[in-house]
N, C-alpha and C. Protein backbone atom coordinates (compact mmCIF):
# COMPACT_ATOMS: atom_id res chain seq x y z
N MET A 1 -11.77 1.86 -9.62
CA MET A 1 -12.00 1.37 -8.28
C MET A 1 -10.66 1.24 -7.59
N TYR A 2 -10.60 1.64 -6.34
CA TYR A 2 -9.38 1.50 -5.56
C TYR A 2 -9.65 0.61 -4.38
N ARG A 3 -8.72 -0.29 -4.12
CA ARG A 3 -8.84 -1.20 -2.99
C ARG A 3 -7.57 -1.11 -2.17
N LEU A 4 -7.73 -1.20 -0.88
CA LEU A 4 -6.57 -1.35 -0.01
C LEU A 4 -6.24 -2.82 0.00
N GLN A 5 -5.01 -3.13 -0.11
CA GLN A 5 -4.58 -4.50 -0.08
C GLN A 5 -3.95 -4.75 1.27
N VAL A 6 -4.48 -5.67 2.02
CA VAL A 6 -4.01 -5.93 3.37
C VAL A 6 -3.28 -7.27 3.39
N SER A 7 -2.06 -7.25 3.86
CA SER A 7 -1.25 -8.44 3.98
C SER A 7 -0.63 -8.44 5.36
N SER A 8 -0.34 -9.60 5.86
CA SER A 8 0.32 -9.67 7.16
C SER A 8 1.76 -10.12 6.96
N HIS A 9 2.59 -9.75 7.90
CA HIS A 9 3.96 -10.23 7.91
C HIS A 9 4.50 -10.16 9.31
N GLN A 10 5.54 -10.91 9.54
CA GLN A 10 6.16 -10.95 10.85
C GLN A 10 7.49 -10.24 10.76
N ILE A 11 7.75 -9.37 11.72
CA ILE A 11 9.02 -8.66 11.76
C ILE A 11 9.94 -9.40 12.71
N SER A 12 11.11 -9.77 12.23
CA SER A 12 12.08 -10.42 13.09
C SER A 12 13.47 -10.19 12.53
N GLY A 13 14.45 -10.24 13.41
CA GLY A 13 15.83 -10.11 12.99
C GLY A 13 16.23 -8.67 12.72
N ALA A 14 17.52 -8.51 12.44
CA ALA A 14 18.07 -7.19 12.16
C ALA A 14 17.68 -6.75 10.75
N ARG A 15 17.62 -5.44 10.57
CA ARG A 15 17.32 -4.89 9.25
C ARG A 15 18.50 -5.15 8.33
N LYS A 16 18.20 -5.73 7.17
CA LYS A 16 19.27 -6.05 6.23
C LYS A 16 19.67 -4.81 5.44
N GLU A 17 20.89 -4.82 4.98
CA GLU A 17 21.38 -3.72 4.15
C GLU A 17 20.72 -3.80 2.78
N ILE A 18 20.26 -2.67 2.30
CA ILE A 18 19.58 -2.61 1.01
C ILE A 18 20.51 -1.91 0.03
N PRO A 19 20.76 -2.53 -1.12
CA PRO A 19 21.61 -1.87 -2.11
C PRO A 19 21.03 -0.51 -2.50
N GLU A 20 21.87 0.51 -2.52
CA GLU A 20 21.43 1.88 -2.79
C GLU A 20 20.69 2.01 -4.11
N ASN A 21 21.09 1.24 -5.12
CA ASN A 21 20.44 1.33 -6.43
C ASN A 21 19.03 0.74 -6.43
N GLU A 22 18.62 0.08 -5.34
CA GLU A 22 17.29 -0.50 -5.26
C GLU A 22 16.33 0.36 -4.43
N VAL A 23 16.83 1.42 -3.82
CA VAL A 23 16.00 2.28 -2.97
C VAL A 23 15.54 3.49 -3.78
N ASP A 24 14.28 3.85 -3.61
CA ASP A 24 13.70 5.04 -4.23
C ASP A 24 13.85 5.07 -5.76
N VAL A 25 13.68 3.92 -6.37
CA VAL A 25 13.80 3.82 -7.83
C VAL A 25 12.76 4.71 -8.52
N LEU A 26 11.52 4.69 -8.03
CA LEU A 26 10.47 5.48 -8.69
C LEU A 26 10.67 6.97 -8.49
N SER A 27 11.35 7.39 -7.43
CA SER A 27 11.57 8.82 -7.22
C SER A 27 12.53 9.40 -8.25
N ARG A 28 13.28 8.53 -8.91
CA ARG A 28 14.22 8.99 -9.94
C ARG A 28 13.57 9.09 -11.32
N LEU A 29 12.32 8.65 -11.43
CA LEU A 29 11.61 8.75 -12.70
C LEU A 29 11.12 10.17 -12.93
N THR A 30 11.10 10.58 -14.16
CA THR A 30 10.47 11.85 -14.51
C THR A 30 8.96 11.67 -14.45
N LEU A 31 8.23 12.77 -14.52
CA LEU A 31 6.77 12.68 -14.57
C LEU A 31 6.34 11.83 -15.76
N GLU A 32 7.01 11.99 -16.88
CA GLU A 32 6.66 11.19 -18.07
C GLU A 32 6.92 9.71 -17.81
N GLY A 33 7.98 9.39 -17.09
CA GLY A 33 8.27 8.00 -16.76
C GLY A 33 7.20 7.40 -15.86
N LEU A 34 6.72 8.17 -14.89
CA LEU A 34 5.63 7.69 -14.03
C LEU A 34 4.32 7.58 -14.80
N GLN A 35 4.09 8.50 -15.73
CA GLN A 35 2.90 8.39 -16.57
C GLN A 35 2.92 7.08 -17.34
N GLN A 36 4.08 6.74 -17.86
CA GLN A 36 4.21 5.47 -18.61
C GLN A 36 3.95 4.28 -17.69
N LEU A 37 4.46 4.34 -16.45
CA LEU A 37 4.25 3.25 -15.51
C LEU A 37 2.78 3.11 -15.13
N VAL A 38 2.08 4.23 -14.95
CA VAL A 38 0.66 4.20 -14.62
C VAL A 38 -0.15 3.65 -15.79
N THR A 39 0.19 4.05 -17.01
CA THR A 39 -0.58 3.60 -18.18
C THR A 39 -0.19 2.20 -18.64
N SER A 40 1.02 1.77 -18.31
CA SER A 40 1.48 0.41 -18.67
C SER A 40 2.12 -0.24 -17.45
N PRO A 41 1.30 -0.63 -16.45
CA PRO A 41 1.85 -1.17 -15.22
C PRO A 41 2.51 -2.54 -15.43
N PRO A 42 3.34 -2.94 -14.47
CA PRO A 42 3.98 -4.25 -14.60
C PRO A 42 2.94 -5.36 -14.60
N VAL A 43 3.23 -6.41 -15.32
CA VAL A 43 2.33 -7.56 -15.39
C VAL A 43 3.08 -8.80 -14.91
N LEU A 44 2.32 -9.78 -14.52
CA LEU A 44 2.91 -11.03 -14.08
C LEU A 44 3.36 -11.85 -15.28
N ASP A 45 4.48 -12.50 -15.12
CA ASP A 45 4.91 -13.47 -16.11
C ASP A 45 4.24 -14.80 -15.79
N GLU A 46 4.17 -15.67 -16.78
CA GLU A 46 3.57 -16.97 -16.57
C GLU A 46 4.28 -17.68 -15.42
N GLY A 47 3.48 -18.19 -14.49
CA GLY A 47 4.04 -18.89 -13.35
C GLY A 47 4.33 -18.01 -12.14
N ASP A 48 4.23 -16.68 -12.30
CA ASP A 48 4.44 -15.79 -11.15
C ASP A 48 3.27 -15.91 -10.18
N TYR A 49 3.55 -15.63 -8.93
CA TYR A 49 2.56 -15.73 -7.86
C TYR A 49 1.62 -14.53 -7.86
N GLN A 50 0.34 -14.80 -7.69
CA GLN A 50 -0.65 -13.76 -7.43
C GLN A 50 -1.74 -14.37 -6.57
N ALA A 51 -1.95 -13.79 -5.38
CA ALA A 51 -2.98 -14.29 -4.48
C ALA A 51 -4.36 -14.07 -5.07
N LYS A 52 -5.28 -14.96 -4.73
CA LYS A 52 -6.67 -14.83 -5.16
C LYS A 52 -7.28 -13.61 -4.48
N LEU A 53 -8.06 -12.85 -5.19
CA LEU A 53 -8.70 -11.65 -4.66
C LEU A 53 -9.78 -12.04 -3.65
N THR A 54 -9.69 -11.47 -2.46
CA THR A 54 -10.71 -11.58 -1.44
C THR A 54 -11.13 -10.16 -1.13
N LEU A 55 -12.26 -9.74 -1.67
CA LEU A 55 -12.69 -8.34 -1.58
C LEU A 55 -13.75 -8.19 -0.50
N LEU A 56 -13.50 -7.25 0.42
CA LEU A 56 -14.45 -6.95 1.49
C LEU A 56 -14.83 -5.48 1.43
N SER A 57 -16.03 -5.19 1.86
CA SER A 57 -16.47 -3.81 2.02
C SER A 57 -15.93 -3.30 3.35
N PRO A 58 -15.53 -2.03 3.45
CA PRO A 58 -15.05 -1.51 4.74
C PRO A 58 -16.07 -1.69 5.86
N SER A 59 -17.35 -1.69 5.54
CA SER A 59 -18.38 -1.87 6.57
C SER A 59 -18.39 -3.29 7.12
N ARG A 60 -17.75 -4.22 6.43
CA ARG A 60 -17.68 -5.61 6.89
C ARG A 60 -16.41 -5.89 7.66
N VAL A 61 -15.56 -4.89 7.84
CA VAL A 61 -14.29 -5.10 8.51
C VAL A 61 -14.27 -4.31 9.81
N ASN A 62 -13.89 -4.96 10.89
CA ASN A 62 -13.79 -4.29 12.18
C ASN A 62 -12.37 -4.47 12.70
N PHE A 63 -11.49 -3.54 12.36
CA PHE A 63 -10.09 -3.61 12.73
C PHE A 63 -9.75 -2.44 13.66
N VAL A 64 -10.29 -2.41 14.89
CA VAL A 64 -10.12 -1.23 15.71
C VAL A 64 -9.26 -1.44 16.96
N GLY A 65 -9.54 -2.42 17.79
CA GLY A 65 -8.95 -2.54 19.12
C GLY A 65 -7.44 -2.48 19.20
N ALA A 66 -6.75 -3.38 18.54
CA ALA A 66 -5.29 -3.40 18.64
C ALA A 66 -4.67 -2.17 18.01
N ASN A 67 -5.34 -1.63 17.02
CA ASN A 67 -4.81 -0.44 16.39
C ASN A 67 -4.69 0.71 17.37
N GLN A 68 -5.59 0.77 18.33
CA GLN A 68 -5.51 1.82 19.34
C GLN A 68 -4.24 1.69 20.16
N MET A 69 -3.76 0.47 20.35
CA MET A 69 -2.51 0.26 21.07
C MET A 69 -1.31 0.61 20.20
N LEU A 70 -1.45 0.49 18.90
CA LEU A 70 -0.32 0.67 17.99
C LEU A 70 -0.36 2.00 17.25
N ALA A 71 -1.27 2.89 17.58
CA ALA A 71 -1.42 4.15 16.86
C ALA A 71 -0.42 5.18 17.36
N PHE A 72 0.64 5.37 16.61
CA PHE A 72 1.68 6.31 16.99
C PHE A 72 1.77 7.49 16.03
N ALA A 73 1.17 7.38 14.87
CA ALA A 73 1.26 8.45 13.87
C ALA A 73 0.32 9.59 14.25
N GLU A 74 0.78 10.81 14.07
CA GLU A 74 -0.04 11.97 14.39
C GLU A 74 -1.26 12.08 13.50
N SER A 75 -1.14 11.62 12.26
CA SER A 75 -2.24 11.78 11.31
C SER A 75 -3.23 10.62 11.36
N GLY A 76 -3.16 9.80 12.39
CA GLY A 76 -4.11 8.71 12.53
C GLY A 76 -3.41 7.39 12.70
N PRO A 77 -4.18 6.31 12.73
CA PRO A 77 -3.60 5.00 13.01
C PRO A 77 -2.55 4.59 11.97
N ALA A 78 -1.47 4.07 12.46
CA ALA A 78 -0.42 3.50 11.62
C ALA A 78 0.09 2.28 12.36
N LEU A 79 0.03 1.12 11.72
CA LEU A 79 0.28 -0.12 12.44
C LEU A 79 1.74 -0.45 12.66
N GLY A 80 2.57 -0.30 11.69
CA GLY A 80 3.95 -0.62 11.89
C GLY A 80 4.22 -2.08 12.14
N GLY A 81 3.89 -2.96 11.23
CA GLY A 81 4.32 -4.33 11.35
C GLY A 81 3.22 -5.36 11.38
N ALA A 82 2.03 -5.02 11.86
CA ALA A 82 0.96 -6.00 11.90
C ALA A 82 0.43 -6.29 10.50
N PHE A 83 0.40 -5.27 9.67
CA PHE A 83 -0.10 -5.42 8.31
C PHE A 83 0.82 -4.71 7.34
N HIS A 84 0.76 -5.16 6.11
CA HIS A 84 1.31 -4.40 5.00
C HIS A 84 0.11 -3.93 4.21
N VAL A 85 0.13 -2.68 3.79
CA VAL A 85 -0.98 -2.13 3.01
C VAL A 85 -0.44 -1.62 1.70
N GLY A 86 -1.10 -1.97 0.63
CA GLY A 86 -0.84 -1.41 -0.69
C GLY A 86 -2.14 -0.86 -1.21
N VAL A 87 -2.07 0.05 -2.16
CA VAL A 87 -3.28 0.60 -2.79
C VAL A 87 -3.33 0.03 -4.19
N GLU A 88 -4.37 -0.74 -4.42
CA GLU A 88 -4.55 -1.41 -5.71
C GLU A 88 -5.50 -0.58 -6.55
N ALA A 89 -5.05 -0.17 -7.71
CA ALA A 89 -5.83 0.74 -8.55
C ALA A 89 -6.41 0.01 -9.76
N VAL A 90 -7.49 0.56 -10.27
CA VAL A 90 -8.14 0.01 -11.45
C VAL A 90 -7.20 0.06 -12.66
N PHE A 91 -6.17 0.88 -12.59
CA PHE A 91 -5.23 0.97 -13.70
C PHE A 91 -4.28 -0.22 -13.74
N GLY A 92 -4.48 -1.18 -12.83
CA GLY A 92 -3.77 -2.45 -12.93
C GLY A 92 -2.51 -2.59 -12.11
N ALA A 93 -2.26 -1.71 -11.16
CA ALA A 93 -1.04 -1.81 -10.36
C ALA A 93 -1.37 -1.68 -8.88
N GLU A 94 -0.48 -2.20 -8.06
CA GLU A 94 -0.54 -2.02 -6.61
C GLU A 94 0.61 -1.09 -6.23
N TRP A 95 0.30 -0.04 -5.49
CA TRP A 95 1.29 0.94 -5.05
C TRP A 95 1.46 0.81 -3.55
N SER A 96 2.70 0.70 -3.11
CA SER A 96 2.96 0.53 -1.68
C SER A 96 4.22 1.29 -1.30
N TYR A 97 4.51 1.29 -0.01
CA TYR A 97 5.66 2.02 0.52
C TYR A 97 6.36 1.18 1.58
N GLY A 98 7.67 1.25 1.56
CA GLY A 98 8.47 0.55 2.56
C GLY A 98 9.90 1.06 2.54
N VAL A 99 10.81 0.26 3.05
CA VAL A 99 12.21 0.69 3.14
C VAL A 99 12.84 0.92 1.77
N TYR A 100 12.20 0.44 0.72
CA TYR A 100 12.69 0.67 -0.64
C TYR A 100 12.08 1.93 -1.26
N GLY A 101 11.21 2.61 -0.53
CA GLY A 101 10.49 3.75 -1.07
C GLY A 101 9.15 3.29 -1.62
N ILE A 102 8.58 4.04 -2.53
CA ILE A 102 7.32 3.67 -3.16
C ILE A 102 7.61 2.62 -4.23
N ALA A 103 6.75 1.61 -4.25
CA ALA A 103 6.93 0.51 -5.21
C ALA A 103 5.64 0.32 -6.02
N CYS A 104 5.81 -0.23 -7.20
CA CYS A 104 4.70 -0.54 -8.10
C CYS A 104 4.84 -2.00 -8.49
N ASP A 105 3.82 -2.79 -8.20
CA ASP A 105 3.84 -4.22 -8.50
C ASP A 105 2.49 -4.64 -9.05
N PRO A 106 2.44 -5.80 -9.70
CA PRO A 106 1.13 -6.34 -10.04
C PRO A 106 0.35 -6.61 -8.75
N PRO A 107 -0.95 -6.40 -8.75
CA PRO A 107 -1.75 -6.59 -7.53
C PRO A 107 -1.58 -7.98 -6.92
N ARG A 108 -1.48 -8.00 -5.59
CA ARG A 108 -1.44 -9.23 -4.79
C ARG A 108 -0.29 -10.15 -5.16
N SER A 109 0.83 -9.59 -5.63
CA SER A 109 1.94 -10.43 -6.07
C SER A 109 3.16 -10.35 -5.15
N GLU A 110 3.13 -9.49 -4.15
CA GLU A 110 4.26 -9.34 -3.23
C GLU A 110 4.38 -10.60 -2.39
N THR A 111 5.51 -11.28 -2.48
CA THR A 111 5.67 -12.55 -1.78
C THR A 111 6.30 -12.42 -0.40
N ALA A 112 6.72 -11.22 -0.01
CA ALA A 112 7.29 -11.03 1.32
C ALA A 112 6.19 -10.92 2.39
N HIS A 113 4.94 -10.90 1.97
CA HIS A 113 3.81 -10.77 2.88
C HIS A 113 2.79 -11.84 2.53
N VAL A 114 1.92 -12.15 3.47
CA VAL A 114 0.84 -13.09 3.23
C VAL A 114 -0.42 -12.28 2.99
N TYR A 115 -0.93 -12.34 1.78
CA TYR A 115 -2.12 -11.57 1.41
C TYR A 115 -3.30 -12.03 2.25
N GLU A 116 -4.02 -11.06 2.84
CA GLU A 116 -5.19 -11.37 3.65
C GLU A 116 -6.48 -11.03 2.92
N CYS A 117 -6.61 -9.78 2.46
CA CYS A 117 -7.84 -9.37 1.81
C CYS A 117 -7.63 -8.01 1.15
N SER A 118 -8.56 -7.64 0.31
CA SER A 118 -8.63 -6.29 -0.24
C SER A 118 -9.90 -5.66 0.30
N VAL A 119 -9.82 -4.36 0.61
CA VAL A 119 -10.96 -3.63 1.15
C VAL A 119 -11.29 -2.51 0.17
N TYR A 120 -12.50 -2.53 -0.33
CA TYR A 120 -12.93 -1.51 -1.29
C TYR A 120 -13.02 -0.16 -0.59
N VAL A 121 -12.34 0.85 -1.16
CA VAL A 121 -12.38 2.19 -0.58
C VAL A 121 -12.97 3.23 -1.54
N GLY A 122 -13.42 2.82 -2.70
CA GLY A 122 -14.11 3.75 -3.57
C GLY A 122 -13.50 3.89 -4.95
N SER A 123 -14.14 4.73 -5.75
CA SER A 123 -13.69 5.02 -7.11
C SER A 123 -13.23 6.46 -7.17
N THR A 124 -12.29 6.73 -8.04
CA THR A 124 -11.80 8.09 -8.20
C THR A 124 -12.21 8.64 -9.55
N VAL A 125 -12.26 9.94 -9.64
CA VAL A 125 -12.53 10.59 -10.92
C VAL A 125 -11.21 11.04 -11.55
N LYS A 126 -10.10 10.79 -10.88
CA LYS A 126 -8.79 11.20 -11.40
C LYS A 126 -8.43 10.38 -12.64
N SER A 127 -7.83 11.04 -13.60
CA SER A 127 -7.35 10.37 -14.80
C SER A 127 -6.02 9.69 -14.52
N GLN A 128 -5.56 8.87 -15.43
CA GLN A 128 -4.25 8.24 -15.29
C GLN A 128 -3.15 9.29 -15.17
N MET A 129 -3.25 10.35 -15.92
CA MET A 129 -2.22 11.40 -15.86
C MET A 129 -2.25 12.11 -14.50
N GLU A 130 -3.45 12.33 -13.96
CA GLU A 130 -3.55 12.95 -12.64
C GLU A 130 -2.99 12.02 -11.56
N VAL A 131 -3.24 10.74 -11.68
CA VAL A 131 -2.69 9.77 -10.73
C VAL A 131 -1.17 9.76 -10.83
N ALA A 132 -0.64 9.81 -12.04
CA ALA A 132 0.82 9.85 -12.22
C ALA A 132 1.41 11.10 -11.57
N ASP A 133 0.72 12.22 -11.70
CA ASP A 133 1.18 13.47 -11.08
C ASP A 133 1.18 13.35 -9.56
N ILE A 134 0.14 12.76 -9.00
CA ILE A 134 0.08 12.53 -7.54
C ILE A 134 1.24 11.64 -7.11
N LEU A 135 1.45 10.56 -7.85
CA LEU A 135 2.54 9.64 -7.51
C LEU A 135 3.91 10.30 -7.64
N HIS A 136 4.07 11.14 -8.63
CA HIS A 136 5.35 11.84 -8.80
C HIS A 136 5.66 12.67 -7.56
N THR A 137 4.67 13.37 -7.05
CA THR A 137 4.85 14.16 -5.83
C THR A 137 5.11 13.26 -4.63
N LEU A 138 4.31 12.20 -4.49
CA LEU A 138 4.48 11.30 -3.35
C LEU A 138 5.85 10.61 -3.36
N CYS A 139 6.35 10.27 -4.53
CA CYS A 139 7.67 9.62 -4.61
C CYS A 139 8.78 10.51 -4.09
N GLN A 140 8.60 11.81 -4.17
CA GLN A 140 9.61 12.74 -3.64
C GLN A 140 9.46 12.88 -2.12
N GLU A 141 8.24 12.71 -1.63
CA GLU A 141 7.96 12.89 -0.20
C GLU A 141 8.14 11.62 0.62
N TRP A 142 7.96 10.47 0.03
CA TRP A 142 7.99 9.20 0.75
C TRP A 142 9.22 8.41 0.33
N ARG A 143 10.35 8.73 0.91
CA ARG A 143 11.63 8.10 0.59
C ARG A 143 11.87 6.90 1.50
N GLY A 144 12.56 5.91 0.99
CA GLY A 144 12.85 4.72 1.75
C GLY A 144 13.59 4.99 3.05
N GLN A 145 14.51 5.93 3.02
CA GLN A 145 15.29 6.24 4.23
C GLN A 145 14.42 6.83 5.34
N ASP A 146 13.25 7.34 4.99
CA ASP A 146 12.35 7.93 5.98
C ASP A 146 11.37 6.93 6.58
N TYR A 147 11.40 5.69 6.08
CA TYR A 147 10.48 4.67 6.58
C TYR A 147 10.68 4.47 8.08
N ASP A 148 9.57 4.46 8.80
CA ASP A 148 9.59 4.18 10.23
C ASP A 148 8.45 3.22 10.51
N VAL A 149 8.75 2.09 11.09
CA VAL A 149 7.77 1.04 11.29
C VAL A 149 6.57 1.49 12.12
N LEU A 150 6.74 2.51 12.97
CA LEU A 150 5.65 2.95 13.83
C LEU A 150 4.91 4.18 13.34
N SER A 151 5.56 5.04 12.56
CA SER A 151 4.90 6.32 12.26
C SER A 151 4.90 6.75 10.80
N HIS A 152 5.78 6.21 9.98
CA HIS A 152 5.86 6.61 8.57
C HIS A 152 6.02 5.33 7.76
N ASN A 153 4.90 4.63 7.57
CA ASN A 153 4.96 3.27 7.04
C ASN A 153 3.94 3.07 5.92
N CYS A 154 3.76 1.83 5.53
CA CYS A 154 2.85 1.52 4.43
C CYS A 154 1.42 1.94 4.73
N CYS A 155 1.01 1.85 5.99
CA CYS A 155 -0.36 2.25 6.35
C CYS A 155 -0.54 3.76 6.22
N SER A 156 0.44 4.52 6.71
CA SER A 156 0.31 5.98 6.61
C SER A 156 0.43 6.43 5.15
N PHE A 157 1.25 5.73 4.35
CA PHE A 157 1.32 6.04 2.91
C PHE A 157 -0.02 5.73 2.25
N GLY A 158 -0.59 4.57 2.55
CA GLY A 158 -1.88 4.21 1.96
C GLY A 158 -2.95 5.24 2.25
N ARG A 159 -2.97 5.71 3.50
CA ARG A 159 -3.94 6.74 3.89
C ARG A 159 -3.72 8.00 3.05
N ARG A 160 -2.49 8.43 2.93
CA ARG A 160 -2.15 9.65 2.19
C ARG A 160 -2.53 9.51 0.72
N PHE A 161 -2.25 8.34 0.14
CA PHE A 161 -2.52 8.12 -1.28
C PHE A 161 -4.02 8.09 -1.55
N VAL A 162 -4.80 7.36 -0.74
CA VAL A 162 -6.25 7.32 -1.01
C VAL A 162 -6.88 8.69 -0.80
N GLU A 163 -6.37 9.48 0.15
CA GLU A 163 -6.87 10.85 0.31
C GLU A 163 -6.58 11.68 -0.93
N ALA A 164 -5.36 11.56 -1.47
CA ALA A 164 -4.99 12.31 -2.67
C ALA A 164 -5.84 11.89 -3.87
N LEU A 165 -6.24 10.62 -3.89
CA LEU A 165 -7.09 10.13 -4.98
C LEU A 165 -8.55 10.54 -4.80
N GLY A 166 -8.88 11.06 -3.63
CA GLY A 166 -10.26 11.46 -3.36
C GLY A 166 -11.16 10.29 -3.07
N VAL A 167 -10.60 9.20 -2.57
CA VAL A 167 -11.39 8.03 -2.19
C VAL A 167 -11.15 7.76 -0.71
N GLY A 168 -11.83 6.78 -0.20
CA GLY A 168 -11.63 6.43 1.20
C GLY A 168 -12.87 6.75 2.00
N PRO A 169 -12.74 6.84 3.28
CA PRO A 169 -11.51 6.89 4.06
C PRO A 169 -10.95 5.50 4.31
N MET A 170 -9.74 5.48 4.85
CA MET A 170 -9.13 4.22 5.25
C MET A 170 -9.95 3.64 6.39
N PRO A 171 -10.15 2.32 6.40
CA PRO A 171 -10.84 1.71 7.55
C PRO A 171 -9.93 1.73 8.77
N ASP A 172 -10.53 1.63 9.95
CA ASP A 172 -9.74 1.46 11.16
C ASP A 172 -9.33 0.00 11.24
N TRP A 173 -8.08 -0.24 11.58
CA TRP A 173 -7.54 -1.60 11.54
C TRP A 173 -7.41 -2.21 12.92
N ASP A 174 -7.78 -3.45 13.06
CA ASP A 174 -7.50 -4.25 14.25
C ASP A 174 -6.94 -5.56 13.76
N PRO A 175 -5.62 -5.76 13.86
CA PRO A 175 -5.01 -6.96 13.29
C PRO A 175 -5.41 -8.24 13.99
N PHE A 176 -6.14 -8.18 15.11
CA PHE A 176 -6.54 -9.40 15.79
C PHE A 176 -7.90 -9.90 15.37
N THR A 177 -8.56 -9.17 14.47
CA THR A 177 -9.83 -9.62 13.92
C THR A 177 -9.57 -10.60 12.80
N ASP A 178 -10.22 -11.73 12.84
CA ASP A 178 -10.09 -12.74 11.80
C ASP A 178 -11.05 -12.37 10.68
N VAL A 179 -10.53 -11.89 9.54
CA VAL A 179 -11.41 -11.44 8.46
C VAL A 179 -12.22 -12.57 7.87
N SER A 180 -11.80 -13.81 8.05
CA SER A 180 -12.60 -14.92 7.52
C SER A 180 -13.88 -15.10 8.32
N ASP A 181 -13.94 -14.54 9.55
CA ASP A 181 -15.14 -14.64 10.38
C ASP A 181 -16.07 -13.45 10.22
N VAL A 182 -15.69 -12.46 9.40
CA VAL A 182 -16.52 -11.27 9.22
C VAL A 182 -17.77 -11.66 8.43
N PRO A 183 -18.97 -11.29 8.94
CA PRO A 183 -20.22 -11.69 8.24
C PRO A 183 -20.33 -11.05 6.87
């Protein structure tokens, strides 16, 4: 099962300098290294933060209006700042994209964002090795230096990844909808 992980964050201040050795770490892995990461994803240590899972069906989410104002990507809506999106896989990891490149974390553990909800987008028939192969290709294509808050961001990466997994589609997002009020 694959879920989109939706988190909110506020963008403010100047972009901080990122140490070069922390950018695009996964792109330097071999295919075998990514296979190992997919089959043995990172786990939380005792006391580490993990938000409680709030799972919604895409049919219960109406995120459209504001997205139309913020849609700058040619391949469809990309929010650029209203939400952070990660793809949470049944293999036990959350995959996301940002200024550091593609990242792999335990699900709902990213503390730079406020976790809002997970949206079920379907199940894949891809094996762990096939997912590792997809990620190996994506890690070469989605570099941290190419991150753009309006057009090449976590939302556009999430869309690309769920399409490659054969799940989805991505729901249309409206960051002004209160998901706690969704019936």
